[in-house]
Amino acid sequence: DDMGYDEIIGKELLKFPIELTYSFLPFAPHTRKLERLAHRAGKTVFLHLPLEPKDSTFNPGPGALYLQDSPETQREKLAKCLQEVPHAVGINNHMGSAFTEDRTAMGNIFEVMRDRSLMFVDSYTTPGTVGIQTARQAAVQSLGRSVFLDNVVDEETICRQFGKLVAVAEKNGRAIGIGHPNRATLNAVLRCGEQYSARVQYVGVTKALR
């Protein structure tokens, strides 16, 4: 998540030995360049769509969709965000604890996603999300986040979270972990990812859907 702001770490992640899915924030300074590079390298590209949080002190950033927006405005904003990440094959939410609990608003954006054959990964920023249920009702392929790797930006903590992710995958057959482009996460996943490579296969999220 949050690709597009740090060009140096972004480029390092594009050369990562473990298969990742790269979710780009729209209108970030390096999004267009990095997402083009990711696409050319055959990587899985997502739009990290900014949605309204419950806490108004948090700013979801440029292009964010809000509940007070009209349905037409929500769709127009989504279209503009997708123009910024033209190779996206799916979307996951950035923030959105308020927006993803609203069935009408989520249904509205899923109409656009269905028409564009985009999949949805619910970041699960709120336990009250209706994202997966509403996506399936709209015939949008969807999955949910299993583990946040780096809520605590510390290498050892991230490695422990990675171990939890592997355990979920072994139990359920697949798991989705979400991390962010920072040095601690990059180092931790490099180190711990290799440790678990005999137990799980690392794939882009579209392959996890199959």
N, C-alpha and C. Protein backbone atom coordinates (compact mmCIF):
# COMPACT_ATOMS: atom_id res chain seq x y z
N ASP A 1 0.83 -1.21 0.00
CA ASP A 1 0.00 0.00 0.00
C ASP A 1 0.86 1.26 0.00
N ASP A 2 0.21 2.40 -0.34
CA ASP A 2 0.85 3.73 -0.25
C ASP A 2 2.01 3.91 -1.21
N MET A 3 2.05 3.13 -2.28
CA MET A 3 3.10 3.34 -3.27
C MET A 3 2.88 4.68 -3.98
N GLY A 4 3.99 5.33 -4.32
CA GLY A 4 3.91 6.55 -5.10
C GLY A 4 4.57 7.76 -4.47
N TYR A 5 4.89 7.68 -3.18
CA TYR A 5 5.52 8.82 -2.52
C TYR A 5 7.03 8.66 -2.39
N ASP A 6 7.50 7.47 -2.08
CA ASP A 6 8.94 7.24 -1.92
C ASP A 6 9.47 6.53 -3.16
N GLU A 7 10.14 7.29 -4.02
CA GLU A 7 10.61 6.72 -5.29
C GLU A 7 11.72 5.70 -5.08
N ILE A 8 12.63 5.97 -4.15
CA ILE A 8 13.77 5.07 -3.95
C ILE A 8 13.31 3.71 -3.43
N ILE A 9 12.54 3.70 -2.35
CA ILE A 9 12.05 2.43 -1.82
C ILE A 9 11.07 1.79 -2.81
N GLY A 10 10.30 2.60 -3.50
CA GLY A 10 9.39 2.08 -4.51
C GLY A 10 10.13 1.27 -5.56
N LYS A 11 11.24 1.80 -6.06
CA LYS A 11 12.02 1.08 -7.08
C LYS A 11 12.64 -0.18 -6.50
N GLU A 12 13.07 -0.13 -5.25
CA GLU A 12 13.62 -1.32 -4.61
C GLU A 12 12.54 -2.40 -4.49
N LEU A 13 11.34 -2.00 -4.13
CA LEU A 13 10.25 -2.97 -3.99
C LEU A 13 9.88 -3.60 -5.34
N LEU A 14 10.03 -2.84 -6.42
CA LEU A 14 9.72 -3.39 -7.75
C LEU A 14 10.70 -4.49 -8.14
N LYS A 15 11.88 -4.50 -7.52
CA LYS A 15 12.88 -5.54 -7.80
C LYS A 15 12.90 -6.61 -6.71
N PHE A 16 11.88 -6.63 -5.88
CA PHE A 16 11.82 -7.52 -4.73
C PHE A 16 11.83 -8.98 -5.18
N PRO A 17 12.57 -9.86 -4.49
CA PRO A 17 12.60 -11.27 -4.88
C PRO A 17 11.31 -12.02 -4.56
N ILE A 18 10.49 -11.46 -3.69
CA ILE A 18 9.19 -12.06 -3.36
C ILE A 18 8.11 -11.36 -4.18
N GLU A 19 7.20 -12.14 -4.75
CA GLU A 19 6.13 -11.56 -5.57
C GLU A 19 5.20 -10.72 -4.70
N LEU A 20 4.97 -9.48 -5.12
CA LEU A 20 4.11 -8.56 -4.38
C LEU A 20 3.03 -8.00 -5.31
N THR A 21 2.02 -7.41 -4.72
CA THR A 21 1.05 -6.58 -5.43
C THR A 21 1.30 -5.15 -5.00
N TYR A 22 1.33 -4.23 -5.96
CA TYR A 22 1.71 -2.84 -5.70
C TYR A 22 0.47 -1.95 -5.82
N SER A 23 0.08 -1.35 -4.69
CA SER A 23 -1.13 -0.54 -4.65
C SER A 23 -0.75 0.93 -4.53
N PHE A 24 -1.09 1.70 -5.57
CA PHE A 24 -0.62 3.08 -5.72
C PHE A 24 -1.68 4.09 -5.32
N LEU A 25 -1.25 5.07 -4.54
CA LEU A 25 -2.11 6.21 -4.22
C LEU A 25 -2.21 7.13 -5.44
N PRO A 26 -3.43 7.55 -5.79
CA PRO A 26 -3.57 8.47 -6.92
C PRO A 26 -2.99 9.84 -6.57
N PHE A 27 -2.41 10.48 -7.55
CA PHE A 27 -1.90 11.85 -7.43
C PHE A 27 -0.65 11.96 -6.57
N ALA A 28 -0.07 10.84 -6.14
CA ALA A 28 1.23 10.89 -5.46
C ALA A 28 2.30 11.26 -6.49
N PRO A 29 3.38 11.90 -6.08
CA PRO A 29 4.34 12.46 -7.05
C PRO A 29 5.01 11.43 -7.96
N HIS A 30 5.17 10.18 -7.50
CA HIS A 30 5.88 9.19 -8.31
C HIS A 30 4.97 8.05 -8.75
N THR A 31 3.66 8.20 -8.56
CA THR A 31 2.75 7.11 -8.89
C THR A 31 2.80 6.74 -10.36
N ARG A 32 2.67 7.71 -11.24
CA ARG A 32 2.58 7.40 -12.67
C ARG A 32 3.84 6.70 -13.17
N LYS A 33 4.99 7.20 -12.74
CA LYS A 33 6.26 6.60 -13.18
C LYS A 33 6.41 5.19 -12.63
N LEU A 34 6.18 5.02 -11.32
CA LEU A 34 6.40 3.72 -10.70
C LEU A 34 5.37 2.68 -11.15
N GLU A 35 4.12 3.11 -11.35
CA GLU A 35 3.13 2.12 -11.76
C GLU A 35 3.38 1.68 -13.20
N ARG A 36 3.93 2.56 -14.03
CA ARG A 36 4.32 2.17 -15.38
C ARG A 36 5.44 1.13 -15.34
N LEU A 37 6.43 1.38 -14.47
CA LEU A 37 7.54 0.44 -14.32
C LEU A 37 7.04 -0.91 -13.80
N ALA A 38 6.12 -0.87 -12.86
CA ALA A 38 5.56 -2.10 -12.31
C ALA A 38 4.84 -2.89 -13.41
N HIS A 39 4.05 -2.20 -14.20
CA HIS A 39 3.31 -2.86 -15.28
C HIS A 39 4.26 -3.48 -16.30
N ARG A 40 5.30 -2.73 -16.68
CA ARG A 40 6.26 -3.24 -17.66
C ARG A 40 7.00 -4.47 -17.13
N ALA A 41 7.16 -4.53 -15.82
CA ALA A 41 7.86 -5.66 -15.20
C ALA A 41 6.91 -6.84 -14.96
N GLY A 42 5.65 -6.71 -15.38
CA GLY A 42 4.70 -7.80 -15.23
C GLY A 42 4.14 -7.95 -13.82
N LYS A 43 4.22 -6.87 -13.03
CA LYS A 43 3.73 -6.92 -11.66
C LYS A 43 2.23 -6.66 -11.59
N THR A 44 1.61 -7.07 -10.49
CA THR A 44 0.20 -6.81 -10.26
C THR A 44 0.05 -5.40 -9.69
N VAL A 45 -0.75 -4.57 -10.35
CA VAL A 45 -0.93 -3.16 -9.97
C VAL A 45 -2.36 -2.93 -9.49
N PHE A 46 -2.47 -2.24 -8.37
CA PHE A 46 -3.76 -1.86 -7.80
C PHE A 46 -3.82 -0.35 -7.60
N LEU A 47 -5.05 0.16 -7.55
CA LEU A 47 -5.30 1.53 -7.10
C LEU A 47 -5.60 1.48 -5.61
N HIS A 48 -4.87 2.27 -4.84
CA HIS A 48 -5.11 2.39 -3.39
C HIS A 48 -6.05 3.59 -3.22
N LEU A 49 -7.34 3.30 -3.22
CA LEU A 49 -8.37 4.35 -3.35
C LEU A 49 -8.63 5.03 -2.01
N PRO A 50 -8.43 6.35 -1.94
CA PRO A 50 -8.68 7.08 -0.68
C PRO A 50 -10.19 7.22 -0.43
N LEU A 51 -10.62 6.77 0.73
CA LEU A 51 -12.02 6.84 1.11
C LEU A 51 -12.15 7.49 2.48
N GLU A 52 -13.31 8.05 2.73
CA GLU A 52 -13.55 8.82 3.96
C GLU A 52 -13.40 7.98 5.22
N PRO A 53 -12.57 8.45 6.18
CA PRO A 53 -12.47 7.78 7.48
C PRO A 53 -13.50 8.34 8.46
N LYS A 54 -13.70 7.65 9.57
CA LYS A 54 -14.60 8.17 10.60
C LYS A 54 -14.00 9.36 11.32
N ASP A 55 -12.70 9.33 11.54
CA ASP A 55 -12.02 10.40 12.26
C ASP A 55 -11.61 11.49 11.27
N SER A 56 -12.27 12.64 11.36
CA SER A 56 -12.03 13.71 10.39
C SER A 56 -10.66 14.37 10.54
N THR A 57 -9.94 14.04 11.62
CA THR A 57 -8.58 14.58 11.76
C THR A 57 -7.61 13.85 10.82
N PHE A 58 -8.01 12.70 10.28
CA PHE A 58 -7.19 11.98 9.31
C PHE A 58 -7.58 12.42 7.91
N ASN A 59 -6.60 12.79 7.12
CA ASN A 59 -6.84 13.24 5.75
C ASN A 59 -6.50 12.10 4.79
N PRO A 60 -7.49 11.56 4.08
CA PRO A 60 -7.20 10.46 3.16
C PRO A 60 -6.42 10.88 1.92
N GLY A 61 -6.32 12.19 1.68
CA GLY A 61 -5.46 12.67 0.59
C GLY A 61 -6.21 13.02 -0.68
N PRO A 62 -5.46 13.41 -1.72
CA PRO A 62 -6.07 13.85 -2.97
C PRO A 62 -6.94 12.78 -3.61
N GLY A 63 -8.06 13.22 -4.17
CA GLY A 63 -8.94 12.31 -4.89
C GLY A 63 -9.90 11.53 -4.03
N ALA A 64 -9.92 11.79 -2.72
CA ALA A 64 -10.72 10.97 -1.80
C ALA A 64 -12.21 11.07 -2.09
N LEU A 65 -12.90 9.95 -1.90
CA LEU A 65 -14.34 9.90 -2.03
C LEU A 65 -14.97 10.05 -0.64
N TYR A 66 -16.04 10.87 -0.57
CA TYR A 66 -16.72 11.13 0.70
C TYR A 66 -18.19 10.76 0.59
N LEU A 67 -18.78 10.44 1.73
CA LEU A 67 -20.19 10.06 1.76
C LEU A 67 -21.09 11.22 1.37
N GLN A 68 -20.65 12.44 1.63
CA GLN A 68 -21.47 13.60 1.27
C GLN A 68 -21.44 13.89 -0.23
N ASP A 69 -20.48 13.29 -0.95
CA ASP A 69 -20.45 13.45 -2.41
C ASP A 69 -21.70 12.81 -3.02
N SER A 70 -22.19 13.39 -4.09
CA SER A 70 -23.29 12.75 -4.81
C SER A 70 -22.78 11.46 -5.45
N PRO A 71 -23.66 10.52 -5.76
CA PRO A 71 -23.22 9.31 -6.45
C PRO A 71 -22.44 9.61 -7.74
N GLU A 72 -22.89 10.63 -8.47
CA GLU A 72 -22.20 11.00 -9.71
C GLU A 72 -20.78 11.50 -9.41
N THR A 73 -20.65 12.30 -8.35
CA THR A 73 -19.33 12.82 -7.97
C THR A 73 -18.41 11.68 -7.52
N GLN A 74 -18.96 10.76 -6.77
CA GLN A 74 -18.16 9.60 -6.35
C GLN A 74 -17.63 8.84 -7.55
N ARG A 75 -18.48 8.61 -8.54
CA ARG A 75 -18.05 7.87 -9.73
C ARG A 75 -17.03 8.67 -10.54
N GLU A 76 -17.24 9.97 -10.63
CA GLU A 76 -16.29 10.82 -11.36
C GLU A 76 -14.93 10.83 -10.67
N LYS A 77 -14.93 10.93 -9.35
CA LYS A 77 -13.66 10.89 -8.61
C LYS A 77 -12.95 9.56 -8.80
N LEU A 78 -13.70 8.47 -8.75
CA LEU A 78 -13.11 7.15 -8.94
C LEU A 78 -12.49 7.05 -10.33
N ALA A 79 -13.18 7.56 -11.33
CA ALA A 79 -12.66 7.51 -12.70
C ALA A 79 -11.35 8.29 -12.81
N LYS A 80 -11.28 9.45 -12.15
CA LYS A 80 -10.05 10.25 -12.19
C LYS A 80 -8.91 9.55 -11.46
N CYS A 81 -9.22 8.89 -10.35
CA CYS A 81 -8.19 8.14 -9.63
C CYS A 81 -7.67 7.00 -10.49
N LEU A 82 -8.57 6.34 -11.22
CA LEU A 82 -8.15 5.25 -12.09
C LEU A 82 -7.30 5.75 -13.26
N GLN A 83 -7.54 6.97 -13.70
CA GLN A 83 -6.69 7.56 -14.75
C GLN A 83 -5.26 7.72 -14.28
N GLU A 84 -5.10 7.94 -12.97
CA GLU A 84 -3.76 8.10 -12.40
C GLU A 84 -3.03 6.76 -12.29
N VAL A 85 -3.78 5.68 -12.22
CA VAL A 85 -3.19 4.33 -12.10
C VAL A 85 -3.81 3.48 -13.22
N PRO A 86 -3.46 3.76 -14.47
CA PRO A 86 -4.18 3.18 -15.61
C PRO A 86 -4.01 1.67 -15.77
N HIS A 87 -3.00 1.09 -15.13
CA HIS A 87 -2.78 -0.35 -15.28
C HIS A 87 -3.35 -1.16 -14.11
N ALA A 88 -4.15 -0.50 -13.28
CA ALA A 88 -4.73 -1.19 -12.13
C ALA A 88 -5.68 -2.30 -12.58
N VAL A 89 -5.54 -3.47 -11.95
CA VAL A 89 -6.46 -4.57 -12.19
C VAL A 89 -7.41 -4.75 -11.01
N GLY A 90 -7.22 -3.91 -10.00
CA GLY A 90 -8.07 -3.98 -8.83
C GLY A 90 -7.89 -2.76 -7.95
N ILE A 91 -8.67 -2.72 -6.89
CA ILE A 91 -8.69 -1.58 -5.97
C ILE A 91 -8.71 -2.11 -4.54
N ASN A 92 -7.97 -1.45 -3.65
CA ASN A 92 -8.18 -1.65 -2.22
C ASN A 92 -8.27 -0.28 -1.56
N ASN A 93 -8.93 -0.23 -0.42
CA ASN A 93 -9.23 1.06 0.20
C ASN A 93 -8.09 1.59 1.04
N HIS A 94 -7.86 2.90 0.90
CA HIS A 94 -6.95 3.66 1.77
C HIS A 94 -7.82 4.37 2.78
N MET A 95 -7.63 4.06 4.08
CA MET A 95 -8.53 4.55 5.13
C MET A 95 -9.95 4.02 4.84
N GLY A 96 -10.96 4.88 4.92
CA GLY A 96 -12.30 4.47 4.52
C GLY A 96 -13.15 3.80 5.59
N SER A 97 -12.82 4.01 6.88
CA SER A 97 -13.61 3.37 7.93
C SER A 97 -15.07 3.82 7.92
N ALA A 98 -15.34 5.04 7.47
CA ALA A 98 -16.73 5.51 7.33
C ALA A 98 -17.33 5.02 6.02
N PHE A 99 -16.61 5.19 4.95
CA PHE A 99 -17.14 4.89 3.61
C PHE A 99 -17.45 3.41 3.45
N THR A 100 -16.55 2.54 3.93
CA THR A 100 -16.74 1.10 3.69
C THR A 100 -17.85 0.50 4.55
N GLU A 101 -18.39 1.26 5.49
CA GLU A 101 -19.54 0.79 6.27
C GLU A 101 -20.87 1.19 5.64
N ASP A 102 -20.80 1.95 4.54
CA ASP A 102 -22.01 2.46 3.89
C ASP A 102 -22.32 1.61 2.65
N ARG A 103 -23.38 0.85 2.72
CA ARG A 103 -23.73 -0.09 1.65
C ARG A 103 -24.06 0.63 0.34
N THR A 104 -24.74 1.77 0.43
CA THR A 104 -25.12 2.49 -0.79
C THR A 104 -23.90 3.05 -1.50
N ALA A 105 -23.01 3.67 -0.74
CA ALA A 105 -21.80 4.25 -1.34
C ALA A 105 -20.91 3.18 -1.94
N MET A 106 -20.73 2.07 -1.22
CA MET A 106 -19.90 1.00 -1.75
C MET A 106 -20.53 0.38 -2.99
N GLY A 107 -21.84 0.20 -2.96
CA GLY A 107 -22.53 -0.33 -4.14
C GLY A 107 -22.35 0.55 -5.35
N ASN A 108 -22.32 1.86 -5.12
CA ASN A 108 -22.15 2.81 -6.21
C ASN A 108 -20.79 2.64 -6.90
N ILE A 109 -19.73 2.53 -6.11
CA ILE A 109 -18.41 2.41 -6.74
C ILE A 109 -18.20 1.00 -7.31
N PHE A 110 -18.90 0.01 -6.75
CA PHE A 110 -18.76 -1.34 -7.31
C PHE A 110 -19.41 -1.45 -8.68
N GLU A 111 -20.38 -0.60 -8.98
CA GLU A 111 -20.94 -0.59 -10.33
C GLU A 111 -19.86 -0.22 -11.35
N VAL A 112 -19.06 0.78 -11.00
CA VAL A 112 -17.96 1.19 -11.88
C VAL A 112 -16.93 0.07 -11.99
N MET A 113 -16.60 -0.53 -10.86
CA MET A 113 -15.59 -1.59 -10.86
C MET A 113 -16.05 -2.81 -11.65
N ARG A 114 -17.31 -3.16 -11.53
CA ARG A 114 -17.84 -4.30 -12.29
C ARG A 114 -17.74 -4.03 -13.79
N ASP A 115 -18.11 -2.81 -14.20
CA ASP A 115 -18.07 -2.46 -15.62
C ASP A 115 -16.65 -2.47 -16.17
N ARG A 116 -15.66 -2.26 -15.29
CA ARG A 116 -14.25 -2.24 -15.72
C ARG A 116 -13.53 -3.55 -15.39
N SER A 117 -14.27 -4.52 -14.89
CA SER A 117 -13.71 -5.84 -14.54
C SER A 117 -12.56 -5.72 -13.54
N LEU A 118 -12.74 -4.86 -12.53
CA LEU A 118 -11.74 -4.68 -11.48
C LEU A 118 -12.13 -5.50 -10.25
N MET A 119 -11.14 -6.07 -9.57
CA MET A 119 -11.41 -6.79 -8.34
C MET A 119 -11.23 -5.86 -7.14
N PHE A 120 -11.67 -6.31 -5.99
CA PHE A 120 -11.61 -5.50 -4.78
C PHE A 120 -10.98 -6.28 -3.65
N VAL A 121 -10.03 -5.64 -2.96
CA VAL A 121 -9.49 -6.18 -1.72
C VAL A 121 -9.87 -5.23 -0.60
N ASP A 122 -10.62 -5.72 0.36
CA ASP A 122 -11.01 -4.90 1.51
C ASP A 122 -9.85 -4.86 2.49
N SER A 123 -9.35 -3.65 2.76
CA SER A 123 -8.24 -3.49 3.70
C SER A 123 -8.68 -3.72 5.15
N TYR A 124 -9.98 -3.79 5.37
CA TYR A 124 -10.54 -4.00 6.71
C TYR A 124 -10.01 -2.97 7.70
N THR A 125 -10.31 -1.70 7.40
CA THR A 125 -9.94 -0.63 8.32
C THR A 125 -11.01 -0.42 9.39
N THR A 126 -12.10 -1.17 9.30
CA THR A 126 -13.16 -1.14 10.32
C THR A 126 -13.82 -2.50 10.38
N PRO A 127 -14.14 -2.98 11.59
CA PRO A 127 -14.83 -4.27 11.67
C PRO A 127 -16.25 -4.21 11.11
N GLY A 128 -16.78 -3.01 10.91
CA GLY A 128 -18.13 -2.86 10.39
C GLY A 128 -18.21 -2.76 8.88
N THR A 129 -17.12 -3.03 8.18
CA THR A 129 -17.13 -2.90 6.72
C THR A 129 -18.16 -3.83 6.07
N VAL A 130 -18.78 -3.32 5.01
CA VAL A 130 -19.69 -4.15 4.20
C VAL A 130 -19.08 -4.39 2.83
N GLY A 131 -17.77 -4.16 2.71
CA GLY A 131 -17.11 -4.21 1.41
C GLY A 131 -17.24 -5.55 0.69
N ILE A 132 -16.85 -6.64 1.34
CA ILE A 132 -16.87 -7.95 0.69
C ILE A 132 -18.29 -8.36 0.33
N GLN A 133 -19.21 -8.19 1.28
CA GLN A 133 -20.60 -8.58 1.03
C GLN A 133 -21.20 -7.79 -0.13
N THR A 134 -20.96 -6.48 -0.14
CA THR A 134 -21.53 -5.64 -1.18
C THR A 134 -20.87 -5.91 -2.53
N ALA A 135 -19.57 -6.18 -2.52
CA ALA A 135 -18.86 -6.50 -3.76
C ALA A 135 -19.44 -7.76 -4.40
N ARG A 136 -19.67 -8.77 -3.58
CA ARG A 136 -20.19 -10.03 -4.11
C ARG A 136 -21.61 -9.85 -4.65
N GLN A 137 -22.40 -9.02 -3.98
CA GLN A 137 -23.75 -8.73 -4.47
C GLN A 137 -23.70 -8.03 -5.83
N ALA A 138 -22.62 -7.26 -6.05
CA ALA A 138 -22.47 -6.53 -7.31
C ALA A 138 -21.69 -7.34 -8.35
N ALA A 139 -21.39 -8.59 -8.04
CA ALA A 139 -20.63 -9.47 -8.94
C ALA A 139 -19.22 -8.94 -9.20
N VAL A 140 -18.61 -8.36 -8.15
CA VAL A 140 -17.21 -7.93 -8.21
C VAL A 140 -16.38 -8.93 -7.41
N GLN A 141 -15.36 -9.49 -8.03
CA GLN A 141 -14.50 -10.43 -7.33
C GLN A 141 -13.81 -9.73 -6.16
N SER A 142 -13.76 -10.39 -5.01
CA SER A 142 -13.25 -9.70 -3.83
C SER A 142 -12.58 -10.66 -2.86
N LEU A 143 -11.65 -10.10 -2.09
CA LEU A 143 -10.98 -10.80 -1.00
C LEU A 143 -10.74 -9.78 0.10
N GLY A 144 -10.41 -10.28 1.29
CA GLY A 144 -10.14 -9.38 2.41
C GLY A 144 -8.74 -9.53 2.95
N ARG A 145 -8.24 -8.46 3.51
CA ARG A 145 -6.93 -8.46 4.15
C ARG A 145 -6.92 -9.39 5.36
N SER A 146 -5.86 -10.18 5.49
CA SER A 146 -5.73 -11.10 6.61
C SER A 146 -4.94 -10.50 7.76
N VAL A 147 -3.79 -9.87 7.44
CA VAL A 147 -2.89 -9.35 8.47
C VAL A 147 -2.28 -8.04 8.00
N PHE A 148 -2.28 -7.02 8.86
CA PHE A 148 -1.46 -5.83 8.64
C PHE A 148 -0.06 -6.15 9.17
N LEU A 149 0.92 -6.00 8.33
CA LEU A 149 2.28 -6.37 8.72
C LEU A 149 2.96 -5.32 9.59
N ASP A 150 2.68 -4.05 9.32
CA ASP A 150 3.53 -3.01 9.90
C ASP A 150 2.77 -1.88 10.57
N ASN A 151 1.69 -2.21 11.29
CA ASN A 151 1.08 -1.19 12.14
C ASN A 151 2.10 -0.67 13.14
N VAL A 152 2.99 -1.55 13.58
CA VAL A 152 4.15 -1.16 14.38
C VAL A 152 5.37 -1.27 13.47
N VAL A 153 6.02 -0.14 13.22
CA VAL A 153 7.14 -0.13 12.26
C VAL A 153 8.42 -0.52 12.98
N ASP A 154 8.57 -1.82 13.15
CA ASP A 154 9.72 -2.40 13.84
C ASP A 154 9.99 -3.76 13.19
N GLU A 155 11.23 -4.02 12.81
CA GLU A 155 11.53 -5.22 12.03
C GLU A 155 11.12 -6.50 12.72
N GLU A 156 11.41 -6.63 14.00
CA GLU A 156 11.07 -7.87 14.70
C GLU A 156 9.55 -8.04 14.80
N THR A 157 8.84 -6.96 15.06
CA THR A 157 7.38 -7.02 15.13
C THR A 157 6.79 -7.40 13.78
N ILE A 158 7.34 -6.83 12.71
CA ILE A 158 6.86 -7.13 11.36
C ILE A 158 7.11 -8.60 11.03
N CYS A 159 8.25 -9.13 11.45
CA CYS A 159 8.53 -10.55 11.22
C CYS A 159 7.52 -11.43 11.95
N ARG A 160 7.16 -11.04 13.16
CA ARG A 160 6.15 -11.82 13.89
C ARG A 160 4.81 -11.78 13.17
N GLN A 161 4.46 -10.60 12.66
CA GLN A 161 3.22 -10.47 11.90
C GLN A 161 3.27 -11.33 10.64
N PHE A 162 4.44 -11.39 10.03
CA PHE A 162 4.62 -12.22 8.83
C PHE A 162 4.37 -13.68 9.17
N GLY A 163 4.85 -14.10 10.33
CA GLY A 163 4.60 -15.46 10.78
C GLY A 163 3.12 -15.74 10.95
N LYS A 164 2.36 -14.75 11.47
CA LYS A 164 0.91 -14.89 11.60
C LYS A 164 0.26 -15.04 10.22
N LEU A 165 0.76 -14.26 9.25
CA LEU A 165 0.23 -14.32 7.88
C LEU A 165 0.42 -15.72 7.30
N VAL A 166 1.60 -16.28 7.48
CA VAL A 166 1.89 -17.63 6.99
C VAL A 166 0.96 -18.65 7.65
N ALA A 167 0.74 -18.50 8.95
CA ALA A 167 -0.15 -19.42 9.67
C ALA A 167 -1.58 -19.36 9.13
N VAL A 168 -2.06 -18.16 8.81
CA VAL A 168 -3.40 -18.01 8.23
C VAL A 168 -3.45 -18.69 6.86
N ALA A 169 -2.41 -18.51 6.06
CA ALA A 169 -2.37 -19.14 4.73
C ALA A 169 -2.39 -20.65 4.84
N GLU A 170 -1.64 -21.18 5.79
CA GLU A 170 -1.60 -22.64 5.96
C GLU A 170 -2.95 -23.18 6.44
N LYS A 171 -3.64 -22.41 7.24
CA LYS A 171 -4.95 -22.84 7.75
C LYS A 171 -6.04 -22.73 6.69
N ASN A 172 -6.05 -21.61 5.95
CA ASN A 172 -7.17 -21.31 5.05
C ASN A 172 -6.86 -21.54 3.57
N GLY A 173 -5.61 -21.81 3.24
CA GLY A 173 -5.24 -22.02 1.84
C GLY A 173 -4.71 -20.79 1.15
N ARG A 174 -4.96 -19.62 1.73
CA ARG A 174 -4.44 -18.36 1.20
C ARG A 174 -4.56 -17.28 2.26
N ALA A 175 -3.79 -16.23 2.10
CA ALA A 175 -3.86 -15.10 3.03
C ALA A 175 -3.29 -13.87 2.34
N ILE A 176 -3.81 -12.73 2.71
CA ILE A 176 -3.33 -11.45 2.15
C ILE A 176 -2.74 -10.61 3.26
N GLY A 177 -1.50 -10.23 3.11
CA GLY A 177 -0.84 -9.33 4.04
C GLY A 177 -0.69 -7.96 3.42
N ILE A 178 -0.84 -6.93 4.22
CA ILE A 178 -0.66 -5.56 3.74
C ILE A 178 0.48 -4.91 4.50
N GLY A 179 1.41 -4.34 3.74
CA GLY A 179 2.53 -3.59 4.30
C GLY A 179 2.71 -2.29 3.55
N HIS A 180 3.71 -1.53 3.95
CA HIS A 180 3.90 -0.19 3.40
C HIS A 180 5.36 0.03 3.02
N PRO A 181 5.61 0.96 2.10
CA PRO A 181 6.97 1.17 1.60
C PRO A 181 7.85 1.94 2.58
N ASN A 182 8.33 1.22 3.58
CA ASN A 182 9.30 1.82 4.50
C ASN A 182 10.45 0.82 4.67
N ARG A 183 11.56 1.31 5.17
CA ARG A 183 12.77 0.49 5.23
C ARG A 183 12.60 -0.72 6.16
N ALA A 184 11.92 -0.53 7.29
CA ALA A 184 11.74 -1.63 8.24
C ALA A 184 10.94 -2.77 7.62
N THR A 185 9.87 -2.43 6.90
CA THR A 185 9.05 -3.46 6.28
C THR A 185 9.82 -4.17 5.18
N LEU A 186 10.52 -3.40 4.36
CA LEU A 186 11.31 -4.00 3.29
C LEU A 186 12.33 -4.99 3.85
N ASN A 187 13.06 -4.57 4.85
CA ASN A 187 14.09 -5.44 5.45
C ASN A 187 13.48 -6.67 6.11
N ALA A 188 12.39 -6.47 6.83
CA ALA A 188 11.77 -7.58 7.56
C ALA A 188 11.22 -8.63 6.60
N VAL A 189 10.53 -8.18 5.56
CA VAL A 189 9.93 -9.14 4.63
C VAL A 189 11.01 -9.86 3.82
N LEU A 190 12.08 -9.15 3.49
CA LEU A 190 13.20 -9.81 2.82
C LEU A 190 13.74 -10.95 3.68
N ARG A 191 13.95 -10.66 4.94
CA ARG A 191 14.55 -11.63 5.85
C ARG A 191 13.59 -12.76 6.20
N CYS A 192 12.37 -12.41 6.58
CA CYS A 192 11.42 -13.41 7.04
C CYS A 192 10.73 -14.13 5.89
N GLY A 193 10.59 -13.44 4.77
CA GLY A 193 9.96 -14.07 3.61
C GLY A 193 10.74 -15.29 3.16
N GLU A 194 12.04 -15.18 3.15
CA GLU A 194 12.89 -16.30 2.76
C GLU A 194 12.74 -17.46 3.75
N GLN A 195 12.59 -17.13 5.01
CA GLN A 195 12.45 -18.14 6.07
C GLN A 195 11.24 -19.04 5.85
N TYR A 196 10.15 -18.46 5.31
CA TYR A 196 8.91 -19.21 5.15
C TYR A 196 8.68 -19.71 3.72
N SER A 197 9.65 -19.52 2.85
CA SER A 197 9.44 -19.82 1.42
C SER A 197 9.19 -21.29 1.14
N ALA A 198 9.61 -22.18 2.05
CA ALA A 198 9.35 -23.61 1.86
C ALA A 198 7.93 -23.98 2.27
N ARG A 199 7.25 -23.08 2.98
CA ARG A 199 5.92 -23.40 3.51
C ARG A 199 4.78 -22.77 2.71
N VAL A 200 5.05 -21.66 2.05
CA VAL A 200 4.01 -20.97 1.29
C VAL A 200 4.56 -20.51 -0.06
N GLN A 201 3.65 -20.24 -0.97
CA GLN A 201 4.02 -19.66 -2.27
C GLN A 201 3.58 -18.20 -2.28
N TYR A 202 4.45 -17.31 -2.73
CA TYR A 202 4.12 -15.89 -2.79
C TYR A 202 3.60 -15.56 -4.18
N VAL A 203 2.39 -15.00 -4.22
CA VAL A 203 1.76 -14.69 -5.51
C VAL A 203 1.12 -13.30 -5.45
N GLY A 204 0.89 -12.74 -6.63
CA GLY A 204 0.10 -11.52 -6.72
C GLY A 204 -1.34 -11.81 -6.30
N VAL A 205 -2.03 -10.79 -5.85
CA VAL A 205 -3.35 -11.01 -5.25
C VAL A 205 -4.36 -11.57 -6.25
N THR A 206 -4.19 -11.30 -7.54
CA THR A 206 -5.13 -11.85 -8.52
C THR A 206 -5.02 -13.37 -8.57
N LYS A 207 -3.82 -13.91 -8.36
CA LYS A 207 -3.66 -15.37 -8.34
C LYS A 207 -4.23 -15.96 -7.06
N ALA A 208 -4.18 -15.19 -5.97
CA ALA A 208 -4.76 -15.67 -4.70
C ALA A 208 -6.28 -15.81 -4.83
N LEU A 209 -6.86 -15.10 -5.76
CA LEU A 209 -8.32 -15.12 -5.95
C LEU A 209 -8.77 -16.44 -6.57
N ARG A 210 -7.89 -17.09 -7.30
CA ARG A 210 -8.29 -18.29 -8.06
C ARG A 210 -8.52 -19.48 -7.16
